[in-house]
Amino acid sequence: MSEAMTDPAHDFIAKTLKDHQVVLFMKGVPEQPRCGFSGLVVQILDHLGVDFVGVDVLQDDSLRDGVKTYTDWPTIPQLYVKGEFVGGADIVREMFQNGELKPFLSQQGVLAA
């Protein structure tokens, strides 16, 4: 693929990550998740008081596929902090349960310590 051919979904993802410190690509929206895994990550972020933007990948098939190829991660939801991929529901839940998530978010400056 030449440099001139860009993927609109990847461009949208990159811009979204640049514009927002914490982004959750998810099924549904934070107020109404459309899958249990997305709902779980929303609950954890809300519990910690993280200000985040939820992007509904169900609105656009190219976005749903694009977010998987963007990170080479096969599942949704996907959490990004300051443009870096953190993980999906299992990783976020594990980090939360073992006490790593809150200090990580604090170090990134996206959570009041």
PDB file of N, CA and C in Angstrom:
ATOM      1  N   MET A   1       0.844  -1.191   0.000  1.00  0.00           N
ATOM      2  CA  MET A   1       0.000   0.000   0.000  1.00  0.00           C
ATOM      3  C   MET A   1       0.884   1.247   0.000  1.00  0.00           C
ATOM      4  N   SER A   2       0.632   2.161  -0.894  1.00  0.00           N
ATOM      5  CA  SER A   2       1.471   3.351  -1.001  1.00  0.00           C
ATOM      6  C   SER A   2       1.114   4.351   0.100  1.00  0.00           C
ATOM      7  N   GLU A   3       2.019   5.272   0.323  1.00  0.00           N
ATOM      8  CA  GLU A   3       1.815   6.299   1.352  1.00  0.00           C
ATOM      9  C   GLU A   3       0.582   7.152   1.029  1.00  0.00           C
ATOM     10  N   ALA A   4       0.299   7.332  -0.271  1.00  0.00           N
ATOM     11  CA  ALA A   4      -0.797   8.199  -0.686  1.00  0.00           C
ATOM     12  C   ALA A   4      -2.158   7.606  -0.309  1.00  0.00           C
ATOM     13  N   MET A   5      -2.229   6.278  -0.267  1.00  0.00           N
ATOM     14  CA  MET A   5      -3.497   5.635   0.074  1.00  0.00           C
ATOM     15  C   MET A   5      -3.620   5.533   1.590  1.00  0.00           C
ATOM     16  N   THR A   6      -4.502   6.332   2.141  1.00  0.00           N
ATOM     17  CA  THR A   6      -4.671   6.288   3.584  1.00  0.00           C
ATOM     18  C   THR A   6      -5.987   5.606   3.905  1.00  0.00           C
ATOM     19  N   ASP A   7      -6.071   5.086   5.082  1.00  0.00           N
ATOM     20  CA  ASP A   7      -7.278   4.420   5.548  1.00  0.00           C
ATOM     21  C   ASP A   7      -8.086   5.454   6.335  1.00  0.00           C
ATOM     22  N   PRO A   8      -9.277   5.829   5.841  1.00  0.00           N
ATOM     23  CA  PRO A   8     -10.074   6.843   6.545  1.00  0.00           C
ATOM     24  C   PRO A   8     -10.356   6.462   8.002  1.00  0.00           C
ATOM     25  N   ALA A   9     -10.586   5.165   8.262  1.00  0.00           N
ATOM     26  CA  ALA A   9     -10.845   4.738   9.641  1.00  0.00           C
ATOM     27  C   ALA A   9      -9.615   4.982  10.507  1.00  0.00           C
ATOM     28  N   HIS A  10      -8.431   4.641   9.993  1.00  0.00           N
ATOM     29  CA  HIS A  10      -7.201   4.860  10.763  1.00  0.00           C
ATOM     30  C   HIS A  10      -6.955   6.349  10.976  1.00  0.00           C
ATOM     31  N   ASP A  11      -7.268   7.162   9.968  1.00  0.00           N
ATOM     32  CA  ASP A  11      -7.122   8.615  10.111  1.00  0.00           C
ATOM     33  C   ASP A  11      -8.043   9.136  11.210  1.00  0.00           C
ATOM     34  N   PHE A  12      -9.285   8.640  11.232  1.00  0.00           N
ATOM     35  CA  PHE A  12     -10.249   9.044  12.251  1.00  0.00           C
ATOM     36  C   PHE A  12      -9.766   8.622  13.642  1.00  0.00           C
ATOM     37  N   ILE A  13      -9.263   7.395  13.747  1.00  0.00           N
ATOM     38  CA  ILE A  13      -8.758   6.887  15.032  1.00  0.00           C
ATOM     39  C   ILE A  13      -7.593   7.749  15.511  1.00  0.00           C
ATOM     40  N   ALA A  14      -6.649   8.006  14.628  1.00  0.00           N
ATOM     41  CA  ALA A  14      -5.470   8.813  14.991  1.00  0.00           C
ATOM     42  C   ALA A  14      -5.889  10.208  15.454  1.00  0.00           C
ATOM     43  N   LYS A  15      -6.840  10.831  14.734  1.00  0.00           N
ATOM     44  CA  LYS A  15      -7.298  12.170  15.115  1.00  0.00           C
ATOM     45  C   LYS A  15      -8.007  12.131  16.471  1.00  0.00           C
ATOM     46  N   THR A  16      -8.860  11.118  16.668  1.00  0.00           N
ATOM     47  CA  THR A  16      -9.575  10.990  17.932  1.00  0.00           C
ATOM     48  C   THR A  16      -8.594  10.833  19.087  1.00  0.00           C
ATOM     49  N   LEU A  17      -7.561  10.015  18.888  1.00  0.00           N
ATOM     50  CA  LEU A  17      -6.567   9.793  19.941  1.00  0.00           C
ATOM     51  C   LEU A  17      -5.757  11.048  20.208  1.00  0.00           C
ATOM     52  N   LYS A  18      -5.548  11.874  19.162  1.00  0.00           N
ATOM     53  CA  LYS A  18      -4.797  13.110  19.337  1.00  0.00           C
ATOM     54  C   LYS A  18      -5.628  14.143  20.092  1.00  0.00           C
ATOM     55  N   ASP A  19      -6.958  14.130  19.836  1.00  0.00           N
ATOM     56  CA  ASP A  19      -7.844  15.147  20.398  1.00  0.00           C
ATOM     57  C   ASP A  19      -8.287  14.868  21.837  1.00  0.00           C
ATOM     58  N   HIS A  20      -8.182  13.611  22.283  1.00  0.00           N
ATOM     59  CA  HIS A  20      -8.689  13.241  23.607  1.00  0.00           C
ATOM     60  C   HIS A  20      -7.653  12.409  24.358  1.00  0.00           C
ATOM     61  N   GLN A  21      -7.515  12.665  25.661  1.00  0.00           N
ATOM     62  CA  GLN A  21      -6.510  11.953  26.454  1.00  0.00           C
ATOM     63  C   GLN A  21      -6.879  10.500  26.703  1.00  0.00           C
ATOM     64  N   VAL A  22      -8.165  10.230  26.950  1.00  0.00           N
ATOM     65  CA  VAL A  22      -8.611   8.860  27.223  1.00  0.00           C
ATOM     66  C   VAL A  22      -9.767   8.537  26.274  1.00  0.00           C
ATOM     67  N   VAL A  23      -9.567   7.493  25.468  1.00  0.00           N
ATOM     68  CA  VAL A  23     -10.576   7.104  24.481  1.00  0.00           C
ATOM     69  C   VAL A  23     -10.877   5.617  24.637  1.00  0.00           C
ATOM     70  N   LEU A  24     -12.165   5.300  24.639  1.00  0.00           N
ATOM     71  CA  LEU A  24     -12.598   3.911  24.663  1.00  0.00           C
ATOM     72  C   LEU A  24     -13.374   3.634  23.381  1.00  0.00           C
ATOM     73  N   PHE A  25     -12.779   2.811  22.514  1.00  0.00           N
ATOM     74  CA  PHE A  25     -13.507   2.342  21.339  1.00  0.00           C
ATOM     75  C   PHE A  25     -14.333   1.167  21.824  1.00  0.00           C
ATOM     76  N   MET A  26     -15.652   1.280  21.683  1.00  0.00           N
ATOM     77  CA  MET A  26     -16.548   0.335  22.338  1.00  0.00           C
ATOM     78  C   MET A  26     -17.762   0.053  21.470  1.00  0.00           C
ATOM     79  N   LYS A  27     -18.534  -0.964  21.878  1.00  0.00           N
ATOM     80  CA  LYS A  27     -19.810  -1.244  21.234  1.00  0.00           C
ATOM     81  C   LYS A  27     -20.877  -0.515  22.037  1.00  0.00           C
ATOM     82  N   GLY A  28     -21.530   0.450  21.370  1.00  0.00           N
ATOM     83  CA  GLY A  28     -22.490   1.296  22.062  1.00  0.00           C
ATOM     84  C   GLY A  28     -21.819   2.583  22.532  1.00  0.00           C
ATOM     85  N   VAL A  29     -22.473   3.273  23.443  1.00  0.00           N
ATOM     86  CA  VAL A  29     -21.953   4.517  24.006  1.00  0.00           C
ATOM     87  C   VAL A  29     -21.857   4.354  25.521  1.00  0.00           C
ATOM     88  N   PRO A  30     -21.046   5.181  26.184  1.00  0.00           N
ATOM     89  CA  PRO A  30     -20.869   5.014  27.640  1.00  0.00           C
ATOM     90  C   PRO A  30     -22.183   4.955  28.410  1.00  0.00           C
ATOM     91  N   GLU A  31     -23.183   5.750  27.989  1.00  0.00           N
ATOM     92  CA  GLU A  31     -24.473   5.758  28.681  1.00  0.00           C
ATOM     93  C   GLU A  31     -25.280   4.496  28.399  1.00  0.00           C
ATOM     94  N   GLN A  32     -24.958   3.815  27.307  1.00  0.00           N
ATOM     95  CA  GLN A  32     -25.718   2.634  26.910  1.00  0.00           C
ATOM     96  C   GLN A  32     -24.817   1.648  26.149  1.00  0.00           C
ATOM     97  N   PRO A  33     -23.943   0.958  26.874  1.00  0.00           N
ATOM     98  CA  PRO A  33     -23.069  -0.031  26.219  1.00  0.00           C
ATOM     99  C   PRO A  33     -23.902  -1.138  25.574  1.00  0.00           C
ATOM    100  N   ARG A  34     -23.430  -1.643  24.429  1.00  0.00           N
ATOM    101  CA  ARG A  34     -24.170  -2.677  23.717  1.00  0.00           C
ATOM    102  C   ARG A  34     -23.495  -4.036  23.829  1.00  0.00           C
ATOM    103  N   CYS A  35     -22.513  -4.160  24.705  1.00  0.00           N
ATOM    104  CA  CYS A  35     -21.964  -5.481  25.016  1.00  0.00           C
ATOM    105  C   CYS A  35     -21.414  -5.452  26.435  1.00  0.00           C
ATOM    106  N   GLY A  36     -21.361  -6.609  27.057  1.00  0.00           N
ATOM    107  CA  GLY A  36     -20.936  -6.699  28.450  1.00  0.00           C
ATOM    108  C   GLY A  36     -19.515  -6.233  28.688  1.00  0.00           C
ATOM    109  N   PHE A  37     -18.623  -6.538  27.733  1.00  0.00           N
ATOM    110  CA  PHE A  37     -17.218  -6.158  27.910  1.00  0.00           C
ATOM    111  C   PHE A  37     -17.055  -4.644  27.853  1.00  0.00           C
ATOM    112  N   SER A  38     -17.762  -4.009  26.916  1.00  0.00           N
ATOM    113  CA  SER A  38     -17.734  -2.544  26.844  1.00  0.00           C
ATOM    114  C   SER A  38     -18.300  -1.953  28.131  1.00  0.00           C
ATOM    115  N   GLY A  39     -19.421  -2.536  28.605  1.00  0.00           N
ATOM    116  CA  GLY A  39     -20.037  -2.066  29.842  1.00  0.00           C
ATOM    117  C   GLY A  39     -19.109  -2.182  31.031  1.00  0.00           C
ATOM    118  N   LEU A  40     -18.358  -3.273  31.090  1.00  0.00           N
ATOM    119  CA  LEU A  40     -17.412  -3.493  32.186  1.00  0.00           C
ATOM    120  C   LEU A  40     -16.350  -2.397  32.234  1.00  0.00           C
ATOM    121  N   VAL A  41     -15.765  -2.083  31.074  1.00  0.00           N
ATOM    122  CA  VAL A  41     -14.714  -1.058  31.041  1.00  0.00           C
ATOM    123  C   VAL A  41     -15.291   0.305  31.391  1.00  0.00           C
ATOM    124  N   VAL A  42     -16.495   0.610  30.900  1.00  0.00           N
ATOM    125  CA  VAL A  42     -17.160   1.872  31.248  1.00  0.00           C
ATOM    126  C   VAL A  42     -17.356   1.951  32.764  1.00  0.00           C
ATOM    127  N   GLN A  43     -17.827   0.858  33.384  1.00  0.00           N
ATOM    128  CA  GLN A  43     -18.036   0.842  34.842  1.00  0.00           C
ATOM    129  C   GLN A  43     -16.735   1.118  35.587  1.00  0.00           C
ATOM    130  N   ILE A  44     -15.658   0.493  35.156  1.00  0.00           N
ATOM    131  CA  ILE A  44     -14.362   0.678  35.825  1.00  0.00           C
ATOM    132  C   ILE A  44     -13.900   2.131  35.689  1.00  0.00           C
ATOM    133  N   LEU A  45     -13.986   2.681  34.479  1.00  0.00           N
ATOM    134  CA  LEU A  45     -13.552   4.064  34.265  1.00  0.00           C
ATOM    135  C   LEU A  45     -14.419   5.036  35.060  1.00  0.00           C
ATOM    136  N   ASP A  46     -15.732   4.788  35.067  1.00  0.00           N
ATOM    137  CA  ASP A  46     -16.638   5.644  35.847  1.00  0.00           C
ATOM    138  C   ASP A  46     -16.327   5.539  37.342  1.00  0.00           C
ATOM    139  N   HIS A  47     -16.083   4.316  37.815  1.00  0.00           N
ATOM    140  CA  HIS A  47     -15.774   4.084  39.224  1.00  0.00           C
ATOM    141  C   HIS A  47     -14.529   4.871  39.638  1.00  0.00           C
ATOM    142  N   LEU A  48     -13.535   4.914  38.757  1.00  0.00           N
ATOM    143  CA  LEU A  48     -12.296   5.625  39.059  1.00  0.00           C
ATOM    144  C   LEU A  48     -12.420   7.129  38.813  1.00  0.00           C
ATOM    145  N   GLY A  49     -13.514   7.535  38.172  1.00  0.00           N
ATOM    146  CA  GLY A  49     -13.703   8.960  37.906  1.00  0.00           C
ATOM    147  C   GLY A  49     -12.888   9.477  36.734  1.00  0.00           C
ATOM    148  N   VAL A  50     -12.628   8.613  35.767  1.00  0.00           N
ATOM    149  CA  VAL A  50     -11.830   9.001  34.604  1.00  0.00           C
ATOM    150  C   VAL A  50     -12.717   9.729  33.600  1.00  0.00           C
ATOM    151  N   ASP A  51     -12.226  10.861  33.104  1.00  0.00           N
ATOM    152  CA  ASP A  51     -12.916  11.594  32.052  1.00  0.00           C
ATOM    153  C   ASP A  51     -12.489  10.969  30.729  1.00  0.00           C
ATOM    154  N   PHE A  52     -13.432  10.328  30.030  1.00  0.00           N
ATOM    155  CA  PHE A  52     -13.063   9.648  28.789  1.00  0.00           C
ATOM    156  C   PHE A  52     -14.111   9.867  27.708  1.00  0.00           C
ATOM    157  N   VAL A  53     -13.707   9.598  26.475  1.00  0.00           N
ATOM    158  CA  VAL A  53     -14.594   9.694  25.332  1.00  0.00           C
ATOM    159  C   VAL A  53     -14.860   8.279  24.837  1.00  0.00           C
ATOM    160  N   GLY A  54     -16.137   7.931  24.685  1.00  0.00           N
ATOM    161  CA  GLY A  54     -16.502   6.636  24.128  1.00  0.00           C
ATOM    162  C   GLY A  54     -16.832   6.787  22.654  1.00  0.00           C
ATOM    163  N   VAL A  55     -16.268   5.906  21.821  1.00  0.00           N
ATOM    164  CA  VAL A  55     -16.540   5.927  20.388  1.00  0.00           C
ATOM    165  C   VAL A  55     -17.242   4.620  20.028  1.00  0.00           C
ATOM    166  N   ASP A  56     -18.461   4.735  19.500  1.00  0.00           N
ATOM    167  CA  ASP A  56     -19.268   3.564  19.163  1.00  0.00           C
ATOM    168  C   ASP A  56     -18.826   2.999  17.815  1.00  0.00           C
ATOM    169  N   VAL A  57     -18.186   1.830  17.835  1.00  0.00           N
ATOM    170  CA  VAL A  57     -17.706   1.221  16.584  1.00  0.00           C
ATOM    171  C   VAL A  57     -18.832   0.555  15.807  1.00  0.00           C
ATOM    172  N   LEU A  58     -20.005   0.394  16.424  1.00  0.00           N
ATOM    173  CA  LEU A  58     -21.120  -0.249  15.723  1.00  0.00           C
ATOM    174  C   LEU A  58     -21.749   0.673  14.679  1.00  0.00           C
ATOM    175  N   GLN A  59     -21.412   1.964  14.734  1.00  0.00           N
ATOM    176  CA  GLN A  59     -21.975   2.920  13.779  1.00  0.00           C
ATOM    177  C   GLN A  59     -21.347   2.787  12.394  1.00  0.00           C
ATOM    178  N   ASP A  60     -20.193   2.109  12.307  1.00  0.00           N
ATOM    179  CA  ASP A  60     -19.444   2.118  11.057  1.00  0.00           C
ATOM    180  C   ASP A  60     -18.587   0.852  10.979  1.00  0.00           C
ATOM    181  N   ASP A  61     -18.886  -0.001   9.993  1.00  0.00           N
ATOM    182  CA  ASP A  61     -18.131  -1.253   9.849  1.00  0.00           C
ATOM    183  C   ASP A  61     -16.650  -1.014   9.598  1.00  0.00           C
ATOM    184  N   SER A  62     -16.332   0.029   8.824  1.00  0.00           N
ATOM    185  CA  SER A  62     -14.919   0.283   8.534  1.00  0.00           C
ATOM    186  C   SER A  62     -14.184   0.705   9.808  1.00  0.00           C
ATOM    187  N   LEU A  63     -14.882   1.398  10.703  1.00  0.00           N
ATOM    188  CA  LEU A  63     -14.279   1.777  11.982  1.00  0.00           C
ATOM    189  C   LEU A  63     -14.111   0.548  12.869  1.00  0.00           C
ATOM    190  N   ARG A  64     -15.127  -0.308  12.885  1.00  0.00           N
ATOM    191  CA  ARG A  64     -15.048  -1.516  13.711  1.00  0.00           C
ATOM    192  C   ARG A  64     -13.874  -2.393  13.269  1.00  0.00           C
ATOM    193  N   ASP A  65     -13.704  -2.547  11.962  1.00  0.00           N
ATOM    194  CA  ASP A  65     -12.570  -3.325  11.449  1.00  0.00           C
ATOM    195  C   ASP A  65     -11.268  -2.555  11.611  1.00  0.00           C
ATOM    196  N   GLY A  66     -11.336  -1.236  11.366  1.00  0.00           N
ATOM    197  CA  GLY A  66     -10.135  -0.400  11.423  1.00  0.00           C
ATOM    198  C   GLY A  66      -9.498  -0.348  12.794  1.00  0.00           C
ATOM    199  N   VAL A  67     -10.324  -0.316  13.842  1.00  0.00           N
ATOM    200  CA  VAL A  67      -9.770  -0.233  15.196  1.00  0.00           C
ATOM    201  C   VAL A  67      -9.034  -1.536  15.540  1.00  0.00           C
ATOM    202  N   LYS A  68      -9.477  -2.642  14.962  1.00  0.00           N
ATOM    203  CA  LYS A  68      -8.799  -3.931  15.204  1.00  0.00           C
ATOM    204  C   LYS A  68      -7.457  -3.987  14.485  1.00  0.00           C
ATOM    205  N   THR A  69      -7.389  -3.424  13.274  1.00  0.00           N
ATOM    206  CA  THR A  69      -6.125  -3.445  12.530  1.00  0.00           C
ATOM    207  C   THR A  69      -5.185  -2.339  13.006  1.00  0.00           C
ATOM    208  N   TYR A  70      -5.749  -1.261  13.567  1.00  0.00           N
ATOM    209  CA  TYR A  70      -4.939  -0.133  14.042  1.00  0.00           C
ATOM    210  C   TYR A  70      -3.929  -0.609  15.088  1.00  0.00           C
ATOM    211  N   THR A  71      -4.372  -1.486  15.977  1.00  0.00           N
ATOM    212  CA  THR A  71      -3.504  -1.976  17.045  1.00  0.00           C
ATOM    213  C   THR A  71      -3.141  -3.436  16.876  1.00  0.00           C
ATOM    214  N   ASP A  72      -3.728  -4.076  15.859  1.00  0.00           N
ATOM    215  CA  ASP A  72      -3.553  -5.508  15.700  1.00  0.00           C
ATOM    216  C   ASP A  72      -4.078  -6.226  16.949  1.00  0.00           C
ATOM    217  N   TRP A  73      -5.212  -5.768  17.432  1.00  0.00           N
ATOM    218  CA  TRP A  73      -5.875  -6.349  18.604  1.00  0.00           C
ATOM    219  C   TRP A  73      -7.261  -6.781  18.146  1.00  0.00           C
ATOM    220  N   PRO A  74      -7.628  -8.051  18.342  1.00  0.00           N
ATOM    221  CA  PRO A  74      -8.823  -8.591  17.682  1.00  0.00           C
ATOM    222  C   PRO A  74     -10.163  -8.244  18.323  1.00  0.00           C
ATOM    223  N   THR A  75     -10.157  -7.699  19.523  1.00  0.00           N
ATOM    224  CA  THR A  75     -11.428  -7.524  20.220  1.00  0.00           C
ATOM    225  C   THR A  75     -11.722  -6.068  20.548  1.00  0.00           C
ATOM    226  N   ILE A  76     -12.989  -5.818  20.809  1.00  0.00           N
ATOM    227  CA  ILE A  76     -13.482  -4.508  21.232  1.00  0.00           C
ATOM    228  C   ILE A  76     -14.193  -4.763  22.550  1.00  0.00           C
ATOM    229  N   PRO A  77     -14.059  -3.935  23.545  1.00  0.00           N
ATOM    230  CA  PRO A  77     -13.546  -2.565  23.556  1.00  0.00           C
ATOM    231  C   PRO A  77     -12.011  -2.493  23.553  1.00  0.00           C
ATOM    232  N   GLN A  78     -11.534  -1.296  23.224  1.00  0.00           N
ATOM    233  CA  GLN A  78     -10.105  -0.996  23.281  1.00  0.00           C
ATOM    234  C   GLN A  78      -9.934   0.343  23.981  1.00  0.00           C
ATOM    235  N   LEU A  79      -9.086   0.344  25.015  1.00  0.00           N
ATOM    236  CA  LEU A  79      -8.836   1.567  25.789  1.00  0.00           C
ATOM    237  C   LEU A  79      -7.493   2.160  25.410  1.00  0.00           C
ATOM    238  N   TYR A  80      -7.512   3.462  25.145  1.00  0.00           N
ATOM    239  CA  TYR A  80      -6.283   4.206  24.841  1.00  0.00           C
ATOM    240  C   TYR A  80      -6.124   5.320  25.856  1.00  0.00           C
ATOM    241  N   VAL A  81      -4.890   5.519  26.305  1.00  0.00           N
ATOM    242  CA  VAL A  81      -4.577   6.633  27.193  1.00  0.00           C
ATOM    243  C   VAL A  81      -3.432   7.404  26.570  1.00  0.00           C
ATOM    244  N   LYS A  82      -3.666   8.678  26.298  1.00  0.00           N
ATOM    245  CA  LYS A  82      -2.678   9.551  25.662  1.00  0.00           C
ATOM    246  C   LYS A  82      -2.123   8.924  24.382  1.00  0.00           C
ATOM    247  N   GLY A  83      -3.018   8.358  23.589  1.00  0.00           N
ATOM    248  CA  GLY A  83      -2.628   7.805  22.298  1.00  0.00           C
ATOM    249  C   GLY A  83      -2.039   6.416  22.339  1.00  0.00           C
ATOM    250  N   GLU A  84      -1.788   5.895  23.535  1.00  0.00           N
ATOM    251  CA  GLU A  84      -1.198   4.562  23.663  1.00  0.00           C
ATOM    252  C   GLU A  84      -2.280   3.538  23.957  1.00  0.00           C
ATOM    253  N   PHE A  85      -2.194   2.404  23.286  1.00  0.00           N
ATOM    254  CA  PHE A  85      -3.140   1.325  23.513  1.00  0.00           C
ATOM    255  C   PHE A  85      -2.862   0.684  24.870  1.00  0.00           C
ATOM    256  N   VAL A  86      -3.868   0.632  25.731  1.00  0.00           N
ATOM    257  CA  VAL A  86      -3.722   0.015  27.055  1.00  0.00           C
ATOM    258  C   VAL A  86      -4.159  -1.444  26.996  1.00  0.00           C
ATOM    259  N   GLY A  87      -5.343  -1.694  26.424  1.00  0.00           N
ATOM    260  CA  GLY A  87      -5.804  -3.072  26.326  1.00  0.00           C
ATOM    261  C   GLY A  87      -7.304  -3.152  26.168  1.00  0.00           C
ATOM    262  N   GLY A  88      -7.784  -4.384  26.162  1.00  0.00           N
ATOM    263  CA  GLY A  88      -9.205  -4.644  26.082  1.00  0.00           C
ATOM    264  C   GLY A  88      -9.784  -4.866  27.465  1.00  0.00           C
ATOM    265  N   ALA A  89     -10.998  -5.413  27.503  1.00  0.00           N
ATOM    266  CA  ALA A  89     -11.723  -5.577  28.763  1.00  0.00           C
ATOM    267  C   ALA A  89     -10.957  -6.446  29.762  1.00  0.00           C
ATOM    268  N   ASP A  90     -10.377  -7.556  29.304  1.00  0.00           N
ATOM    269  CA  ASP A  90      -9.673  -8.454  30.223  1.00  0.00           C
ATOM    270  C   ASP A  90      -8.483  -7.764  30.871  1.00  0.00           C
ATOM    271  N   ILE A  91      -7.707  -7.043  30.067  1.00  0.00           N
ATOM    272  CA  ILE A  91      -6.517  -6.358  30.587  1.00  0.00           C
ATOM    273  C   ILE A  91      -6.914  -5.241  31.534  1.00  0.00           C
ATOM    274  N   VAL A  92      -7.926  -4.445  31.155  1.00  0.00           N
ATOM    275  CA  VAL A  92      -8.378  -3.344  32.014  1.00  0.00           C
ATOM    276  C   VAL A  92      -8.906  -3.893  33.337  1.00  0.00           C
ATOM    277  N   ARG A  93      -9.708  -4.965  33.252  1.00  0.00           N
ATOM    278  CA  ARG A  93     -10.249  -5.561  34.482  1.00  0.00           C
ATOM    279  C   ARG A  93      -9.111  -6.087  35.360  1.00  0.00           C
ATOM    280  N   GLU A  94      -8.150  -6.757  34.762  1.00  0.00           N
ATOM    281  CA  GLU A  94      -7.026  -7.309  35.521  1.00  0.00           C
ATOM    282  C   GLU A  94      -6.219  -6.192  36.186  1.00  0.00           C
ATOM    283  N   MET A  95      -5.932  -5.121  35.421  1.00  0.00           N
ATOM    284  CA  MET A  95      -5.183  -3.986  35.984  1.00  0.00           C
ATOM    285  C   MET A  95      -5.966  -3.350  37.136  1.00  0.00           C
ATOM    286  N   PHE A  96      -7.290  -3.252  36.984  1.00  0.00           N
ATOM    287  CA  PHE A  96      -8.133  -2.675  38.024  1.00  0.00           C
ATOM    288  C   PHE A  96      -8.109  -3.557  39.274  1.00  0.00           C
ATOM    289  N   GLN A  97      -8.293  -4.868  39.078  1.00  0.00           N
ATOM    290  CA  GLN A  97      -8.378  -5.786  40.216  1.00  0.00           C
ATOM    291  C   GLN A  97      -7.065  -5.893  40.977  1.00  0.00           C
ATOM    292  N   ASN A  98      -5.929  -5.832  40.276  1.00  0.00           N
ATOM    293  CA  ASN A  98      -4.665  -5.957  40.994  1.00  0.00           C
ATOM    294  C   ASN A  98      -4.072  -4.599  41.386  1.00  0.00           C
ATOM    295  N   GLY A  99      -4.879  -3.537  41.226  1.00  0.00           N
ATOM    296  CA  GLY A  99      -4.469  -2.229  41.740  1.00  0.00           C
ATOM    297  C   GLY A  99      -3.495  -1.470  40.864  1.00  0.00           C
ATOM    298  N   GLU A 100      -3.310  -1.896  39.605  1.00  0.00           N
ATOM    299  CA  GLU A 100      -2.362  -1.211  38.716  1.00  0.00           C
ATOM    300  C   GLU A 100      -2.998  -0.068  37.929  1.00  0.00           C
ATOM    301  N   LEU A 101      -4.300  -0.155  37.695  1.00  0.00           N
ATOM    302  CA  LEU A 101      -4.934   0.797  36.778  1.00  0.00           C
ATOM    303  C   LEU A 101      -4.943   2.221  37.328  1.00  0.00           C
ATOM    304  N   LYS A 102      -5.356   2.373  38.583  1.00  0.00           N
ATOM    305  CA  LYS A 102      -5.461   3.719  39.152  1.00  0.00           C
ATOM    306  C   LYS A 102      -4.108   4.436  39.173  1.00  0.00           C
ATOM    307  N   PRO A 103      -3.024   3.781  39.680  1.00  0.00           N
ATOM    308  CA  PRO A 103      -1.718   4.461  39.650  1.00  0.00           C
ATOM    309  C   PRO A 103      -1.251   4.757  38.218  1.00  0.00           C
ATOM    310  N   PHE A 104      -1.530   3.844  37.280  1.00  0.00           N
ATOM    311  CA  PHE A 104      -1.153   4.061  35.892  1.00  0.00           C
ATOM    312  C   PHE A 104      -1.834   5.319  35.349  1.00  0.00           C
ATOM    313  N   LEU A 105      -3.148   5.431  35.590  1.00  0.00           N
ATOM    314  CA  LEU A 105      -3.903   6.585  35.100  1.00  0.00           C
ATOM    315  C   LEU A 105      -3.432   7.869  35.777  1.00  0.00           C
ATOM    316  N   SER A 106      -3.087   7.783  37.057  1.00  0.00           N
ATOM    317  CA  SER A 106      -2.563   8.949  37.778  1.00  0.00           C
ATOM    318  C   SER A 106      -1.228   9.396  37.193  1.00  0.00           C
ATOM    319  N   GLN A 107      -0.346   8.416  36.911  1.00  0.00           N
ATOM    320  CA  GLN A 107       0.969   8.724  36.323  1.00  0.00           C
ATOM    321  C   GLN A 107       0.806   9.384  34.955  1.00  0.00           C
ATOM    322  N   GLN A 108      -0.219   8.963  34.219  1.00  0.00           N
ATOM    323  CA  GLN A 108      -0.465   9.539  32.900  1.00  0.00           C
ATOM    324  C   GLN A 108      -1.082  10.936  32.999  1.00  0.00           C
ATOM    325  N   GLY A 109      -1.505  11.299  34.210  1.00  0.00           N
ATOM    326  CA  GLY A 109      -2.070  12.622  34.414  1.00  0.00           C
ATOM    327  C   GLY A 109      -3.525  12.742  33.976  1.00  0.00           C
ATOM    328  N   VAL A 110      -4.210  11.607  33.862  1.00  0.00           N
ATOM    329  CA  VAL A 110      -5.605  11.644  33.416  1.00  0.00           C
ATOM    330  C   VAL A 110      -6.563  11.346  34.568  1.00  0.00           C
ATOM    331  N   LEU A 111      -6.011  11.206  35.767  1.00  0.00           N
ATOM    332  CA  LEU A 111      -6.812  10.901  36.941  1.00  0.00           C
ATOM    333  C   LEU A 111      -6.240  11.684  38.109  1.00  0.00           C
ATOM    334  N   ALA A 112      -7.100  12.383  38.815  1.00  0.00           N
ATOM    335  CA  ALA A 112      -6.626  13.117  39.989  1.00  0.00           C
ATOM    336  C   ALA A 112      -6.137  12.099  41.020  1.00  0.00           C
ATOM    337  N   ALA A 113      -4.936  12.296  41.500  1.00  0.00           N
ATOM    338  CA  ALA A 113      -4.340  11.349  42.446  1.00  0.00           C
ATOM    339  C   ALA A 113      -5.055  11.373  43.779  1.00  0.00           C
TER     340      ALA A 113
END
